[in-house]
């Protein structure tokens, strides 16, 4: 964002917390959706990893990321623009 504003560059950043899809790794820190299902199916206890006992990661499907990349390619961003793909308070 700063480079875009300072130098007039059309920049974009695609940052995903947890990318989901058919090949998501079922591990506790990255891929918790698959891991949660795996724990439920095997009877393994699931530990919430997050801030104050809340799971705080976004889940974005890989197809949605690809769609966003295509949309930005078709309509290049303005300098310094920010496009949020995740959740949050803003």
PDB file of N, CA and C in Angstrom:
ATOM      1  N   UNK A   1       0.826  -1.187   0.000  1.00  0.00           N
ATOM      2  CA  UNK A   1       0.000   0.000   0.000  1.00  0.00           C
ATOM      3  C   UNK A   1       0.872   1.253   0.000  1.00  0.00           C
ATOM      4  N   UNK A   2       1.901   1.258   0.829  1.00  0.00           N
ATOM      5  CA  UNK A   2       2.776   2.428   0.889  1.00  0.00           C
ATOM      6  C   UNK A   2       3.520   2.631  -0.419  1.00  0.00           C
ATOM      7  N   UNK A   3       4.049   1.565  -1.011  1.00  0.00           N
ATOM      8  CA  UNK A   3       4.739   1.700  -2.300  1.00  0.00           C
ATOM      9  C   UNK A   3       3.786   2.219  -3.360  1.00  0.00           C
ATOM     10  N   UNK A   4       2.558   1.720  -3.348  1.00  0.00           N
ATOM     11  CA  UNK A   4       1.576   2.193  -4.319  1.00  0.00           C
ATOM     12  C   UNK A   4       1.315   3.674  -4.185  1.00  0.00           C
ATOM     13  N   UNK A   5       1.174   4.133  -2.954  1.00  0.00           N
ATOM     14  CA  UNK A   5       0.913   5.558  -2.725  1.00  0.00           C
ATOM     15  C   UNK A   5       2.134   6.424  -3.036  1.00  0.00           C
ATOM     16  N   UNK A   6       3.290   6.011  -2.543  1.00  0.00           N
ATOM     17  CA  UNK A   6       4.499   6.829  -2.690  1.00  0.00           C
ATOM     18  C   UNK A   6       5.009   6.894  -4.124  1.00  0.00           C
ATOM     19  N   UNK A   7       4.928   5.766  -4.828  1.00  0.00           N
ATOM     20  CA  UNK A   7       5.536   5.690  -6.149  1.00  0.00           C
ATOM     21  C   UNK A   7       4.524   5.560  -7.283  1.00  0.00           C
ATOM     22  N   UNK A   8       3.223   5.641  -6.961  1.00  0.00           N
ATOM     23  CA  UNK A   8       2.197   5.561  -7.993  1.00  0.00           C
ATOM     24  C   UNK A   8       2.094   4.200  -8.650  1.00  0.00           C
ATOM     25  N   UNK A   9       2.479   3.154  -7.924  1.00  0.00           N
ATOM     26  CA  UNK A   9       2.438   1.803  -8.477  1.00  0.00           C
ATOM     27  C   UNK A   9       1.081   1.156  -8.248  1.00  0.00           C
ATOM     28  N   UNK A  10       0.637   0.392  -9.201  1.00  0.00           N
ATOM     29  CA  UNK A  10      -0.584  -0.389  -9.018  1.00  0.00           C
ATOM     30  C   UNK A  10      -0.175  -1.704  -8.351  1.00  0.00           C
ATOM     31  N   UNK A  11      -0.419  -1.788  -7.073  1.00  0.00           N
ATOM     32  CA  UNK A  11       0.010  -2.946  -6.301  1.00  0.00           C
ATOM     33  C   UNK A  11      -1.195  -3.681  -5.741  1.00  0.00           C
ATOM     34  N   UNK A  12      -0.991  -4.942  -5.475  1.00  0.00           N
ATOM     35  CA  UNK A  12      -2.037  -5.733  -4.825  1.00  0.00           C
ATOM     36  C   UNK A  12      -1.366  -6.818  -3.992  1.00  0.00           C
ATOM     37  N   UNK A  13      -1.997  -7.168  -2.903  1.00  0.00           N
ATOM     38  CA  UNK A  13      -1.472  -8.214  -2.034  1.00  0.00           C
ATOM     39  C   UNK A  13      -2.592  -9.201  -1.751  1.00  0.00           C
ATOM     40  N   UNK A  14      -2.363 -10.459  -2.055  1.00  0.00           N
ATOM     41  CA  UNK A  14      -3.309 -11.515  -1.736  1.00  0.00           C
ATOM     42  C   UNK A  14      -2.744 -12.276  -0.550  1.00  0.00           C
ATOM     43  N   UNK A  15      -3.383 -12.127   0.584  1.00  0.00           N
ATOM     44  CA  UNK A  15      -2.903 -12.780   1.799  1.00  0.00           C
ATOM     45  C   UNK A  15      -4.054 -13.555   2.402  1.00  0.00           C
ATOM     46  N   UNK A  16      -3.879 -14.856   2.517  1.00  0.00           N
ATOM     47  CA  UNK A  16      -4.924 -15.685   3.098  1.00  0.00           C
ATOM     48  C   UNK A  16      -4.481 -16.290   4.411  1.00  0.00           C
ATOM     49  N   UNK A  17      -5.349 -16.285   5.393  1.00  0.00           N
ATOM     50  CA  UNK A  17      -5.034 -16.922   6.673  1.00  0.00           C
ATOM     51  C   UNK A  17      -5.048 -18.424   6.529  1.00  0.00           C
ATOM     52  N   UNK A  18      -6.174 -18.957   6.128  1.00  0.00           N
ATOM     53  CA  UNK A  18      -6.315 -20.393   5.899  1.00  0.00           C
ATOM     54  C   UNK A  18      -6.961 -20.561   4.536  1.00  0.00           C
ATOM     55  N   UNK A  19      -6.228 -21.103   3.587  1.00  0.00           N
ATOM     56  CA  UNK A  19      -6.782 -21.396   2.278  1.00  0.00           C
ATOM     57  C   UNK A  19      -7.349 -22.806   2.321  1.00  0.00           C
ATOM     58  N   UNK A  20      -8.619 -22.905   2.020  1.00  0.00           N
ATOM     59  CA  UNK A  20      -9.260 -24.220   2.065  1.00  0.00           C
ATOM     60  C   UNK A  20      -9.421 -24.767   0.661  1.00  0.00           C
ATOM     61  N   UNK A  21      -9.790 -26.007   0.601  1.00  0.00           N
ATOM     62  CA  UNK A  21     -10.006 -26.677  -0.672  1.00  0.00           C
ATOM     63  C   UNK A  21      -9.787 -28.159  -0.499  1.00  0.00           C
ATOM     64  N   UNK A  22      -9.879 -28.874  -1.589  1.00  0.00           N
ATOM     65  CA  UNK A  22      -9.807 -30.337  -1.517  1.00  0.00           C
ATOM     66  C   UNK A  22      -8.450 -30.856  -1.053  1.00  0.00           C
ATOM     67  N   UNK A  23      -7.419 -30.056  -1.152  1.00  0.00           N
ATOM     68  CA  UNK A  23      -6.075 -30.510  -0.754  1.00  0.00           C
ATOM     69  C   UNK A  23      -5.541 -29.790   0.482  1.00  0.00           C
ATOM     70  N   UNK A  24      -6.429 -29.233   1.280  1.00  0.00           N
ATOM     71  CA  UNK A  24      -6.012 -28.543   2.497  1.00  0.00           C
ATOM     72  C   UNK A  24      -5.362 -29.539   3.449  1.00  0.00           C
ATOM     73  N   UNK A  25      -4.237 -29.149   4.023  1.00  0.00           N
ATOM     74  CA  UNK A  25      -3.531 -30.014   4.969  1.00  0.00           C
ATOM     75  C   UNK A  25      -4.300 -30.039   6.288  1.00  0.00           C
ATOM     76  N   UNK A  26      -4.525 -31.209   6.815  1.00  0.00           N
ATOM     77  CA  UNK A  26      -5.250 -31.341   8.077  1.00  0.00           C
ATOM     78  C   UNK A  26      -4.310 -31.280   9.269  1.00  0.00           C
ATOM     79  N   UNK A  27      -3.807 -30.098   9.551  1.00  0.00           N
ATOM     80  CA  UNK A  27      -2.887 -29.910  10.666  1.00  0.00           C
ATOM     81  C   UNK A  27      -3.425 -28.801  11.574  1.00  0.00           C
ATOM     82  N   UNK A  28      -3.062 -28.795  12.855  1.00  0.00           N
ATOM     83  CA  UNK A  28      -3.664 -27.859  13.811  1.00  0.00           C
ATOM     84  C   UNK A  28      -3.534 -26.373  13.472  1.00  0.00           C
ATOM     85  N   UNK A  29      -2.385 -25.909  13.050  1.00  0.00           N
ATOM     86  CA  UNK A  29      -2.196 -24.469  12.870  1.00  0.00           C
ATOM     87  C   UNK A  29      -2.675 -23.951  11.525  1.00  0.00           C
ATOM     88  N   UNK A  30      -2.451 -24.682  10.474  1.00  0.00           N
ATOM     89  CA  UNK A  30      -2.815 -24.243   9.128  1.00  0.00           C
ATOM     90  C   UNK A  30      -3.609 -25.360   8.479  1.00  0.00           C
ATOM     91  N   UNK A  31      -4.879 -25.161   8.383  1.00  0.00           N
ATOM     92  CA  UNK A  31      -5.746 -26.202   7.855  1.00  0.00           C
ATOM     93  C   UNK A  31      -6.657 -26.729   8.942  1.00  0.00           C
ATOM     94  N   UNK A  32      -7.060 -25.829   9.845  1.00  0.00           N
ATOM     95  CA  UNK A  32      -7.794 -26.279  11.024  1.00  0.00           C
ATOM     96  C   UNK A  32      -9.164 -26.834  10.681  1.00  0.00           C
ATOM     97  N   UNK A  33      -9.774 -26.438   9.564  1.00  0.00           N
ATOM     98  CA  UNK A  33     -11.095 -26.962   9.220  1.00  0.00           C
ATOM     99  C   UNK A  33     -10.994 -28.462   8.953  1.00  0.00           C
ATOM    100  N   UNK A  34     -10.053 -28.850   8.116  1.00  0.00           N
ATOM    101  CA  UNK A  34      -9.828 -30.261   7.825  1.00  0.00           C
ATOM    102  C   UNK A  34      -9.405 -30.999   9.091  1.00  0.00           C
ATOM    103  N   UNK A  35      -8.567 -30.381   9.886  1.00  0.00           N
ATOM    104  CA  UNK A  35      -8.102 -30.990  11.131  1.00  0.00           C
ATOM    105  C   UNK A  35      -9.249 -31.184  12.111  1.00  0.00           C
ATOM    106  N   UNK A  36     -10.153 -30.212  12.190  1.00  0.00           N
ATOM    107  CA  UNK A  36     -11.316 -30.316  13.068  1.00  0.00           C
ATOM    108  C   UNK A  36     -12.185 -31.506  12.670  1.00  0.00           C
ATOM    109  N   UNK A  37     -12.426 -31.671  11.392  1.00  0.00           N
ATOM    110  CA  UNK A  37     -13.219 -32.811  10.909  1.00  0.00           C
ATOM    111  C   UNK A  37     -12.481 -34.110  11.199  1.00  0.00           C
ATOM    112  N   UNK A  38     -11.167 -34.120  10.972  1.00  0.00           N
ATOM    113  CA  UNK A  38     -10.368 -35.315  11.245  1.00  0.00           C
ATOM    114  C   UNK A  38     -10.466 -35.704  12.722  1.00  0.00           C
ATOM    115  N   UNK A  39     -10.387 -34.714  13.606  1.00  0.00           N
ATOM    116  CA  UNK A  39     -10.510 -34.983  15.045  1.00  0.00           C
ATOM    117  C   UNK A  39     -11.891 -35.532  15.376  1.00  0.00           C
ATOM    118  N   UNK A  40     -12.926 -34.950  14.794  1.00  0.00           N
ATOM    119  CA  UNK A  40     -14.288 -35.419  15.055  1.00  0.00           C
ATOM    120  C   UNK A  40     -14.480 -36.856  14.585  1.00  0.00           C
ATOM    121  N   UNK A  41     -13.891 -37.199  13.459  1.00  0.00           N
ATOM    122  CA  UNK A  41     -14.060 -38.548  12.909  1.00  0.00           C
ATOM    123  C   UNK A  41     -13.263 -39.598  13.670  1.00  0.00           C
ATOM    124  N   UNK A  42     -12.137 -39.198  14.248  1.00  0.00           N
ATOM    125  CA  UNK A  42     -11.287 -40.164  14.951  1.00  0.00           C
ATOM    126  C   UNK A  42     -11.468 -40.130  16.465  1.00  0.00           C
ATOM    127  N   UNK A  43     -12.267 -39.166  16.957  1.00  0.00           N
ATOM    128  CA  UNK A  43     -12.460 -39.045  18.400  1.00  0.00           C
ATOM    129  C   UNK A  43     -11.291 -38.401  19.117  1.00  0.00           C
ATOM    130  N   UNK A  44     -10.414 -37.768  18.352  1.00  0.00           N
ATOM    131  CA  UNK A  44      -9.263 -37.079  18.928  1.00  0.00           C
ATOM    132  C   UNK A  44      -9.708 -35.726  19.480  1.00  0.00           C
ATOM    133  N   UNK A  45      -9.275 -35.368  20.689  1.00  0.00           N
ATOM    134  CA  UNK A  45      -9.653 -34.051  21.222  1.00  0.00           C
ATOM    135  C   UNK A  45      -9.108 -32.925  20.339  1.00  0.00           C
ATOM    136  N   UNK A  46      -9.924 -31.909  20.157  1.00  0.00           N
ATOM    137  CA  UNK A  46      -9.524 -30.750  19.365  1.00  0.00           C
ATOM    138  C   UNK A  46      -9.248 -29.588  20.312  1.00  0.00           C
ATOM    139  N   UNK A  47      -8.107 -28.968  20.171  1.00  0.00           N
ATOM    140  CA  UNK A  47      -7.745 -27.822  20.987  1.00  0.00           C
ATOM    141  C   UNK A  47      -7.871 -26.560  20.148  1.00  0.00           C
ATOM    142  N   UNK A  48      -8.641 -25.600  20.636  1.00  0.00           N
ATOM    143  CA  UNK A  48      -8.774 -24.329  19.932  1.00  0.00           C
ATOM    144  C   UNK A  48      -7.473 -23.566  20.099  1.00  0.00           C
ATOM    145  N   UNK A  49      -6.895 -23.146  18.991  1.00  0.00           N
ATOM    146  CA  UNK A  49      -5.663 -22.370  19.003  1.00  0.00           C
ATOM    147  C   UNK A  49      -6.047 -20.968  18.558  1.00  0.00           C
ATOM    148  N   UNK A  50      -5.980 -20.019  19.468  1.00  0.00           N
ATOM    149  CA  UNK A  50      -6.394 -18.679  19.094  1.00  0.00           C
ATOM    150  C   UNK A  50      -6.277 -17.722  20.252  1.00  0.00           C
ATOM    151  N   UNK A  51      -6.849 -16.570  20.065  1.00  0.00           N
ATOM    152  CA  UNK A  51      -6.783 -15.490  21.028  1.00  0.00           C
ATOM    153  C   UNK A  51      -7.941 -15.606  22.001  1.00  0.00           C
ATOM    154  N   UNK A  52      -7.637 -15.757  23.292  1.00  0.00           N
ATOM    155  CA  UNK A  52      -8.637 -15.866  24.350  1.00  0.00           C
ATOM    156  C   UNK A  52      -9.658 -16.972  24.082  1.00  0.00           C
ATOM    157  N   UNK A  53      -9.162 -18.093  23.590  1.00  0.00           N
ATOM    158  CA  UNK A  53     -10.033 -19.242  23.374  1.00  0.00           C
ATOM    159  C   UNK A  53     -10.919 -19.153  22.156  1.00  0.00           C
ATOM    160  N   UNK A  54     -10.608 -18.250  21.238  1.00  0.00           N
ATOM    161  CA  UNK A  54     -11.404 -18.105  20.023  1.00  0.00           C
ATOM    162  C   UNK A  54     -10.552 -18.458  18.818  1.00  0.00           C
ATOM    163  N   UNK A  55     -11.124 -19.235  17.919  1.00  0.00           N
ATOM    164  CA  UNK A  55     -10.435 -19.544  16.666  1.00  0.00           C
ATOM    165  C   UNK A  55     -10.537 -18.290  15.809  1.00  0.00           C
ATOM    166  N   UNK A  56      -9.424 -17.648  15.496  1.00  0.00           N
ATOM    167  CA  UNK A  56      -9.464 -16.324  14.881  1.00  0.00           C
ATOM    168  C   UNK A  56      -9.006 -16.293  13.420  1.00  0.00           C
ATOM    169  N   UNK A  57      -8.858 -17.419  12.804  1.00  0.00           N
ATOM    170  CA  UNK A  57      -8.397 -17.422  11.411  1.00  0.00           C
ATOM    171  C   UNK A  57      -9.567 -17.363  10.433  1.00  0.00           C
ATOM    172  N   UNK A  58      -9.330 -16.695   9.307  1.00  0.00           N
ATOM    173  CA  UNK A  58     -10.290 -16.694   8.213  1.00  0.00           C
ATOM    174  C   UNK A  58     -10.154 -17.996   7.452  1.00  0.00           C
ATOM    175  N   UNK A  59     -11.202 -18.385   6.784  1.00  0.00           N
ATOM    176  CA  UNK A  59     -11.151 -19.540   5.898  1.00  0.00           C
ATOM    177  C   UNK A  59     -11.565 -19.049   4.517  1.00  0.00           C
ATOM    178  N   UNK A  60     -10.650 -19.120   3.577  1.00  0.00           N
ATOM    179  CA  UNK A  60     -10.896 -18.659   2.222  1.00  0.00           C
ATOM    180  C   UNK A  60     -10.634 -19.828   1.281  1.00  0.00           C
ATOM    181  N   UNK A  61     -11.610 -20.135   0.447  1.00  0.00           N
ATOM    182  CA  UNK A  61     -11.448 -21.247  -0.492  1.00  0.00           C
ATOM    183  C   UNK A  61     -10.504 -20.826  -1.615  1.00  0.00           C
ATOM    184  N   UNK A  62      -9.678 -21.745  -2.047  1.00  0.00           N
ATOM    185  CA  UNK A  62      -8.694 -21.474  -3.091  1.00  0.00           C
ATOM    186  C   UNK A  62      -9.365 -20.939  -4.358  1.00  0.00           C
ATOM    187  N   UNK A  63     -10.559 -21.423  -4.673  1.00  0.00           N
ATOM    188  CA  UNK A  63     -11.279 -20.935  -5.849  1.00  0.00           C
ATOM    189  C   UNK A  63     -11.582 -19.437  -5.750  1.00  0.00           C
ATOM    190  N   UNK A  64     -11.903 -18.975  -4.534  1.00  0.00           N
ATOM    191  CA  UNK A  64     -12.180 -17.552  -4.338  1.00  0.00           C
ATOM    192  C   UNK A  64     -10.924 -16.699  -4.539  1.00  0.00           C
ATOM    193  N   UNK A  65      -9.776 -17.228  -4.128  1.00  0.00           N
ATOM    194  CA  UNK A  65      -8.512 -16.512  -4.334  1.00  0.00           C
ATOM    195  C   UNK A  65      -8.218 -16.397  -5.834  1.00  0.00           C
ATOM    196  N   UNK A  66      -8.416 -17.485  -6.561  1.00  0.00           N
ATOM    197  CA  UNK A  66      -8.186 -17.463  -8.010  1.00  0.00           C
ATOM    198  C   UNK A  66      -9.144 -16.479  -8.678  1.00  0.00           C
ATOM    199  N   UNK A  67     -10.412 -16.472  -8.258  1.00  0.00           N
ATOM    200  CA  UNK A  67     -11.382 -15.514  -8.815  1.00  0.00           C
ATOM    201  C   UNK A  67     -10.948 -14.075  -8.557  1.00  0.00           C
ATOM    202  N   UNK A  68     -10.421 -13.817  -7.367  1.00  0.00           N
ATOM    203  CA  UNK A  68      -9.952 -12.469  -7.034  1.00  0.00           C
ATOM    204  C   UNK A  68      -8.758 -12.070  -7.900  1.00  0.00           C
ATOM    205  N   UNK A  69      -7.845 -12.995  -8.112  1.00  0.00           N
ATOM    206  CA  UNK A  69      -6.683 -12.713  -8.970  1.00  0.00           C
ATOM    207  C   UNK A  69      -7.144 -12.386 -10.391  1.00  0.00           C
ATOM    208  N   UNK A  70      -8.078 -13.157 -10.904  1.00  0.00           N
ATOM    209  CA  UNK A  70      -8.610 -12.891 -12.249  1.00  0.00           C
ATOM    210  C   UNK A  70      -9.298 -11.519 -12.309  1.00  0.00           C
ATOM    211  N   UNK A  71     -10.072 -11.191 -11.276  1.00  0.00           N
ATOM    212  CA  UNK A  71     -10.786  -9.905 -11.246  1.00  0.00           C
ATOM    213  C   UNK A  71      -9.808  -8.733 -11.226  1.00  0.00           C
ATOM    214  N   UNK A  72      -8.737  -8.848 -10.452  1.00  0.00           N
ATOM    215  CA  UNK A  72      -7.744  -7.773 -10.387  1.00  0.00           C
ATOM    216  C   UNK A  72      -6.986  -7.672 -11.710  1.00  0.00           C
ATOM    217  N   UNK A  73      -6.722  -8.794 -12.325  1.00  0.00           N
ATOM    218  CA  UNK A  73      -6.031  -8.774 -13.620  1.00  0.00           C
ATOM    219  C   UNK A  73      -6.904  -8.089 -14.671  1.00  0.00           C
ATOM    220  N   UNK A  74      -8.203  -8.331 -14.626  1.00  0.00           N
ATOM    221  CA  UNK A  74      -9.123  -7.728 -15.594  1.00  0.00           C
ATOM    222  C   UNK A  74      -9.360  -6.243 -15.312  1.00  0.00           C
ATOM    223  N   UNK A  75      -9.271  -5.864 -14.056  1.00  0.00           N
ATOM    224  CA  UNK A  75      -9.498  -4.470 -13.636  1.00  0.00           C
ATOM    225  C   UNK A  75      -8.363  -4.054 -12.710  1.00  0.00           C
ATOM    226  N   UNK A  76      -7.217  -3.652 -13.267  1.00  0.00           N
ATOM    227  CA  UNK A  76      -6.033  -3.339 -12.433  1.00  0.00           C
ATOM    228  C   UNK A  76      -6.357  -2.329 -11.333  1.00  0.00           C
ATOM    229  N   UNK A  77      -5.717  -2.503 -10.176  1.00  0.00           N
ATOM    230  CA  UNK A  77      -5.990  -1.618  -9.047  1.00  0.00           C
ATOM    231  C   UNK A  77      -5.423  -0.215  -9.265  1.00  0.00           C
ATOM    232  N   UNK A  78      -5.980   0.729  -8.519  1.00  0.00           N
ATOM    233  CA  UNK A  78      -5.442   2.080  -8.497  1.00  0.00           C
ATOM    234  C   UNK A  78      -4.247   2.100  -7.551  1.00  0.00           C
ATOM    235  N   UNK A  79      -3.332   3.046  -7.699  1.00  0.00           N
ATOM    236  CA  UNK A  79      -2.186   3.099  -6.783  1.00  0.00           C
ATOM    237  C   UNK A  79      -2.617   3.218  -5.319  1.00  0.00           C
ATOM    238  N   UNK A  80      -2.067   2.354  -4.500  1.00  0.00           N
ATOM    239  CA  UNK A  80      -2.304   2.407  -3.066  1.00  0.00           C
ATOM    240  C   UNK A  80      -3.623   1.810  -2.591  1.00  0.00           C
ATOM    241  N   UNK A  81      -4.389   1.206  -3.490  1.00  0.00           N
ATOM    242  CA  UNK A  81      -5.665   0.601  -3.094  1.00  0.00           C
ATOM    243  C   UNK A  81      -5.430  -0.678  -2.298  1.00  0.00           C
ATOM    244  N   UNK A  82      -6.366  -0.961  -1.401  1.00  0.00           N
ATOM    245  CA  UNK A  82      -6.299  -2.171  -0.588  1.00  0.00           C
ATOM    246  C   UNK A  82      -7.579  -2.960  -0.804  1.00  0.00           C
ATOM    247  N   UNK A  83      -7.442  -4.237  -1.055  1.00  0.00           N
ATOM    248  CA  UNK A  83      -8.575  -5.124  -1.244  1.00  0.00           C
ATOM    249  C   UNK A  83      -8.474  -6.238  -0.218  1.00  0.00           C
ATOM    250  N   UNK A  84      -9.380  -6.238   0.737  1.00  0.00           N
ATOM    251  CA  UNK A  84      -9.331  -7.204   1.824  1.00  0.00           C
ATOM    252  C   UNK A  84     -10.115  -8.447   1.447  1.00  0.00           C
ATOM    253  N   UNK A  85      -9.459  -9.584   1.450  1.00  0.00           N
ATOM    254  CA  UNK A  85     -10.110 -10.849   1.132  1.00  0.00           C
ATOM    255  C   UNK A  85     -10.547 -11.593   2.377  1.00  0.00           C
ATOM    256  N   UNK A  86     -10.104 -11.163   3.521  1.00  0.00           N
ATOM    257  CA  UNK A  86     -10.411 -11.878   4.744  1.00  0.00           C
ATOM    258  C   UNK A  86     -11.473 -11.179   5.571  1.00  0.00           C
ATOM    259  N   UNK A  87     -11.746 -11.750   6.720  1.00  0.00           N
ATOM    260  CA  UNK A  87     -12.700 -11.155   7.630  1.00  0.00           C
ATOM    261  C   UNK A  87     -12.040 -10.101   8.488  1.00  0.00           C
ATOM    262  N   UNK A  88     -12.701  -9.691   9.504  1.00  0.00           N
ATOM    263  CA  UNK A  88     -12.146  -8.697  10.389  1.00  0.00           C
ATOM    264  C   UNK A  88     -13.188  -7.644  10.710  1.00  0.00           C
ATOM    265  N   UNK A  89     -12.782  -6.654  11.470  1.00  0.00           N
ATOM    266  CA  UNK A  89     -13.741  -5.647  11.897  1.00  0.00           C
ATOM    267  C   UNK A  89     -13.930  -4.528  10.891  1.00  0.00           C
ATOM    268  N   UNK A  90     -13.116  -4.476   9.842  1.00  0.00           N
ATOM    269  CA  UNK A  90     -13.231  -3.396   8.875  1.00  0.00           C
ATOM    270  C   UNK A  90     -13.821  -3.859   7.577  1.00  0.00           C
TER     271      UNK A  90
END
